[in-house]
Amino acid sequence: MGFERYLASVLIMIMLSFITSAQGYKFYVGGRDGWVVSPSENYNHWAERNRFQVNDTLFFKYKKGSDSVLLVTREDYFSCNTNNPIQSLTEGDSLFTFDRSGPFFFITGNTDNCKKGQKLIVVVMAVRHKPQQQPPSPSPSSAVTTAPVSPPTLPIPETNPPVESPKNSEAPSDAVEPSPPEHGSGSFKLVCSTWLVLGFGIWVSMALGLENVVCFWC
C-alpha cells in the first residue's frame, strides 16, 4: 500500500514538472523592491544572474496609474524614447511572456526615471535541439588518396601505305599493233623465185632450139 502511494506521488511530480516546463518560469523583476526607480540591485545585474528561456514570464510589480512598462527597440532603450513602444503594460502588476529567443528591451513610461536607470535588458536563450549523430569522418592518416590510374597506352602498329598496283598504260587508239613474224616466208619466196627463173630459162631454150642450153639448165 505504501509503495502504491509513493508511485502515485512520483507520477504527480512528473506531471507537474511537465506542466511547469511547458508554462515556463515566473521571474519577479526587482525581487521585493519591484519595478521602482532605485532598486537595491541594478536590473541588468539581476538579469545577468538568471537564465531566461522561451515561455518564461516576467512579473513587474508597481502601482497602477503611477508607472508603466514599455517594450521598445534597442535605439529607444538607450535614448529613453517613450513615444513609439512595441508594447505597453499599464494595468499594474503586469506579466510579460517570452515568445521567442533573443534580446528584449524594457523601460519605464516615465522618461526621467528611465534616464535614472529604471530599465531592463533580458536575453532569452535559444531553444537547443538535440543534434543528430553523424558518422565519424575518417582520420587523415586512414584516408588514402589514390590518383586516377590511366589505362596503359598500347603501341600503334606502323602501317605501310597501300601499294597501288601499276596500271597498264593504255596504248593510243591510233597505234598499230605489230603483226607476228611470218616464219619461213623468206625461204618460200626464194624457192618460188628459183623455180620461176628455172622454168623461164627452159622455156626460152626450147623455143630457140638450144638443147645444150636445156641440158645446161638440166
Protein backbone atom coordinates (compact mmCIF):
# COMPACT_ATOMS: atom_id res chain seq x y z
CA MET A 1 0.00 0.00 0.00
CA GLY A 2 2.81 2.40 0.88
CA PHE A 3 4.62 1.63 -2.38
CA GLU A 4 1.50 2.44 -4.37
CA ARG A 5 1.22 5.85 -2.68
CA TYR A 6 4.87 6.55 -3.35
CA LEU A 7 4.48 5.61 -7.02
CA ALA A 8 1.41 7.83 -7.33
CA SER A 9 3.27 10.81 -5.79
CA VAL A 10 6.18 10.32 -8.20
CA LEU A 11 3.81 10.31 -11.16
CA ILE A 12 2.14 13.50 -9.92
CA MET A 13 5.51 15.24 -9.57
CA ILE A 14 6.48 14.20 -13.08
CA MET A 15 3.23 15.56 -14.48
CA LEU A 16 3.69 18.85 -12.59
CA SER A 17 7.23 19.19 -13.93
CA PHE A 18 5.96 18.74 -17.47
CA ILE A 19 3.26 21.34 -16.91
CA THR A 20 5.74 23.76 -15.35
CA SER A 21 8.23 23.33 -18.20
CA ALA A 22 5.50 23.95 -20.74
CA GLN A 23 4.27 27.06 -18.92
CA GLY A 24 7.73 28.44 -18.16
CA TYR A 25 9.15 30.01 -15.03
CA LYS A 26 7.89 33.22 -13.42
CA PHE A 27 10.55 35.83 -12.57
CA TYR A 28 9.85 38.72 -10.19
CA VAL A 29 11.62 41.78 -11.57
CA GLY A 30 13.48 43.60 -8.76
CA GLY A 31 12.55 40.99 -6.14
CA ARG A 32 10.86 42.62 -3.16
CA ASP A 33 11.54 46.11 -4.47
CA GLY A 34 9.55 45.54 -7.64
CA TRP A 35 9.53 47.99 -10.58
CA VAL A 36 10.92 51.17 -8.97
CA VAL A 37 13.35 53.98 -9.75
CA SER A 38 16.19 52.97 -7.42
CA PRO A 39 16.17 49.18 -6.78
CA SER A 40 18.57 47.63 -4.29
CA GLU A 41 20.18 45.75 -7.21
CA ASN A 42 20.58 47.08 -10.72
CA TYR A 43 18.02 45.46 -13.03
CA ASN A 44 20.60 44.43 -15.61
CA HIS A 45 22.81 42.88 -12.94
CA TRP A 46 19.79 40.94 -11.72
CA ALA A 47 19.07 39.75 -15.29
CA GLU A 48 22.65 38.60 -15.75
CA ARG A 49 22.34 36.25 -12.74
CA ASN A 50 19.37 34.44 -14.25
CA ARG A 51 18.79 32.28 -17.30
CA PHE A 52 15.68 33.05 -19.31
CA GLN A 53 14.03 30.69 -21.76
CA VAL A 54 11.08 30.79 -24.12
CA ASN A 55 7.71 30.66 -22.26
CA ASP A 56 9.24 32.18 -19.09
CA THR A 57 7.33 35.12 -17.58
CA LEU A 58 8.41 38.48 -16.13
CA PHE A 59 6.33 39.90 -13.28
CA PHE A 60 6.52 43.72 -12.93
CA LYS A 61 5.15 44.88 -9.58
CA TYR A 62 4.08 48.56 -9.50
CA LYS A 63 1.02 50.64 -8.63
CA LYS A 64 -1.45 51.18 -11.45
CA GLY A 65 -1.59 54.75 -12.73
CA SER A 66 1.76 55.72 -11.19
CA ASP A 67 4.05 53.85 -13.58
CA SER A 68 4.13 51.55 -16.65
CA VAL A 69 6.38 49.14 -18.54
CA LEU A 70 7.24 49.67 -22.22
CA LEU A 71 8.76 47.13 -24.60
CA VAL A 72 10.89 49.14 -27.01
CA THR A 73 13.62 48.80 -29.61
CA ARG A 74 17.31 48.92 -28.85
CA GLU A 75 17.62 52.52 -30.03
CA ASP A 76 14.67 53.69 -27.95
CA TYR A 77 16.08 51.85 -24.95
CA PHE A 78 19.36 53.78 -24.95
CA SER A 79 17.68 57.09 -25.77
CA CYS A 80 14.78 56.52 -23.31
CA ASN A 81 12.29 57.27 -26.07
CA THR A 82 8.76 56.51 -24.81
CA ASN A 83 6.87 57.71 -27.89
CA ASN A 84 6.96 54.55 -30.05
CA PRO A 85 6.74 51.47 -27.81
CA ILE A 86 6.32 48.00 -29.27
CA GLN A 87 4.07 47.03 -26.36
CA SER A 88 2.75 48.95 -23.34
CA LEU A 89 1.91 47.41 -19.93
CA THR A 90 -0.09 49.86 -17.81
CA GLU A 91 -2.52 47.78 -15.74
CA GLY A 92 -0.21 47.40 -12.73
CA ASP A 93 1.39 44.10 -11.62
CA SER A 94 1.96 43.29 -15.29
CA LEU A 95 3.03 39.97 -16.76
CA PHE A 96 5.12 39.56 -19.88
CA THR A 97 5.79 36.14 -21.53
CA PHE A 98 8.77 35.49 -23.76
CA ASP A 99 7.58 34.09 -27.07
CA ARG A 100 10.96 33.93 -28.78
CA SER A 101 14.66 33.87 -28.09
CA GLY A 102 16.89 36.92 -28.30
CA PRO A 103 17.14 40.29 -26.54
CA PHE A 104 14.19 42.23 -25.05
CA PHE A 105 14.38 45.89 -24.02
CA PHE A 106 12.13 47.31 -21.30
CA ILE A 107 11.92 50.89 -19.98
CA THR A 108 9.57 52.76 -17.68
CA GLY A 109 6.95 55.07 -19.14
CA ASN A 110 8.49 57.97 -17.20
CA THR A 111 11.37 59.45 -19.25
CA ASP A 112 13.16 60.95 -16.24
CA ASN A 113 13.03 57.67 -14.31
CA CYS A 114 14.33 55.84 -17.39
CA LYS A 115 17.36 58.10 -17.52
CA LYS A 116 17.94 57.37 -13.80
CA GLY A 117 18.24 53.66 -14.56
CA GLN A 118 14.72 52.20 -14.43
CA LYS A 119 15.16 49.98 -17.46
CA LEU A 120 15.97 46.36 -18.18
CA ILE A 121 17.61 44.19 -20.84
CA VAL A 122 16.76 40.46 -20.90
CA VAL A 123 18.38 37.98 -23.27
CA VAL A 124 16.35 34.79 -23.81
CA MET A 125 18.36 31.70 -24.63
CA ALA A 126 17.74 29.94 -27.91
CA VAL A 127 15.94 26.62 -27.91
CA ARG A 128 18.56 23.94 -28.41
CA HIS A 129 17.63 20.78 -30.26
CA LYS A 130 19.47 17.54 -29.79
CA PRO A 131 22.00 17.35 -32.58
CA GLN A 132 21.78 14.35 -34.83
CA GLN A 133 24.66 11.96 -34.64
CA GLN A 134 26.77 11.93 -37.74
CA PRO A 135 29.04 9.09 -38.82
CA PRO A 136 32.65 9.76 -37.81
CA SER A 137 34.74 11.17 -40.57
CA PRO A 138 37.84 9.18 -41.50
CA SER A 139 41.06 10.41 -39.96
CA PRO A 140 43.69 11.92 -42.25
CA SER A 141 46.02 9.01 -41.57
CA SER A 142 43.46 6.42 -42.62
CA ALA A 143 42.34 8.33 -45.64
CA VAL A 144 44.32 7.23 -48.64
CA THR A 145 44.24 9.40 -51.66
CA THR A 146 44.58 7.41 -54.81
CA ALA A 147 45.36 9.15 -58.03
CA PRO A 148 43.32 8.07 -61.01
CA VAL A 149 45.14 5.39 -62.98
CA SER A 150 45.04 5.92 -66.70
CA PRO A 151 44.84 2.81 -68.90
CA PRO A 152 48.16 1.68 -70.46
CA THR A 153 48.89 3.15 -73.84
CA LEU A 154 49.24 0.38 -76.40
CA PRO A 155 51.78 0.89 -79.23
CA ILE A 156 50.10 1.65 -82.51
CA PRO A 157 51.43 -0.66 -85.25
CA GLU A 158 53.00 1.16 -88.14
CA THR A 159 51.05 0.51 -91.28
CA ASN A 160 52.71 0.98 -94.63
CA PRO A 161 50.66 2.90 -97.10
CA PRO A 162 48.89 0.62 -99.55
CA VAL A 163 50.90 -0.03 -102.66
CA GLU A 164 48.91 0.65 -105.74
CA SER A 165 49.28 -1.90 -108.44
CA PRO A 166 50.81 -0.42 -111.57
CA LYS A 167 48.25 0.47 -114.12
CA ASN A 168 48.73 -0.74 -117.63
CA SER A 169 49.27 2.26 -119.77
CA GLU A 170 46.71 2.24 -122.46
CA ALA A 171 48.13 2.37 -125.91
CA PRO A 172 46.95 5.24 -128.04
CA SER A 173 44.00 4.49 -130.22
CA ASP A 174 45.92 5.21 -133.43
CA ALA A 175 48.83 2.87 -132.56
CA VAL A 176 49.18 -0.11 -134.95
CA GLU A 177 49.67 -3.44 -133.28
CA PRO A 178 52.64 -5.24 -134.85
CA SER A 179 51.75 -8.46 -136.59
CA PRO A 180 53.52 -11.65 -135.58
CA PRO A 181 56.52 -12.50 -137.76
CA GLU A 182 55.83 -14.94 -140.53
CA HIS A 183 58.15 -17.91 -140.09
CA GLY A 184 59.69 -19.27 -143.32
CA SER A 185 58.33 -16.54 -145.58
CA GLY A 186 61.82 -15.62 -146.87
CA SER A 187 62.84 -19.17 -147.87
CA PHE A 188 59.48 -19.78 -149.51
CA LYS A 189 59.88 -16.70 -151.68
CA LEU A 190 63.44 -17.76 -152.60
CA VAL A 191 62.27 -21.23 -153.74
CA CYS A 192 59.47 -19.79 -155.75
CA SER A 193 61.77 -17.32 -157.43
CA THR A 194 64.28 -20.07 -158.22
CA TRP A 195 61.72 -22.29 -159.89
CA LEU A 196 60.26 -19.37 -161.76
CA VAL A 197 63.64 -18.44 -163.22
CA LEU A 198 64.44 -22.07 -164.00
CA GLY A 199 61.16 -22.62 -165.81
CA PHE A 200 61.56 -19.40 -167.78
CA GLY A 201 65.02 -20.47 -168.87
CA ILE A 202 63.84 -23.92 -170.03
CA TRP A 203 61.01 -22.32 -171.96
CA VAL A 204 63.39 -19.94 -173.73
CA SER A 205 65.83 -22.77 -174.60
CA MET A 206 63.14 -24.93 -176.15
CA ALA A 207 61.80 -22.05 -178.13
CA LEU A 208 65.19 -21.27 -179.63
CA GLY A 209 66.12 -24.94 -180.17
CA LEU A 210 69.00 -24.82 -177.95
CA GLU A 211 69.16 -28.34 -176.44
CA ASN A 212 72.52 -27.64 -174.90
CA VAL A 213 71.06 -24.82 -173.11
CA VAL A 214 68.29 -27.09 -171.89
CA CYS A 215 70.82 -29.66 -170.84
CA PHE A 216 72.68 -26.84 -169.09
CA TRP A 217 69.59 -25.97 -167.15
CA CYS A 218 69.15 -29.73 -166.51
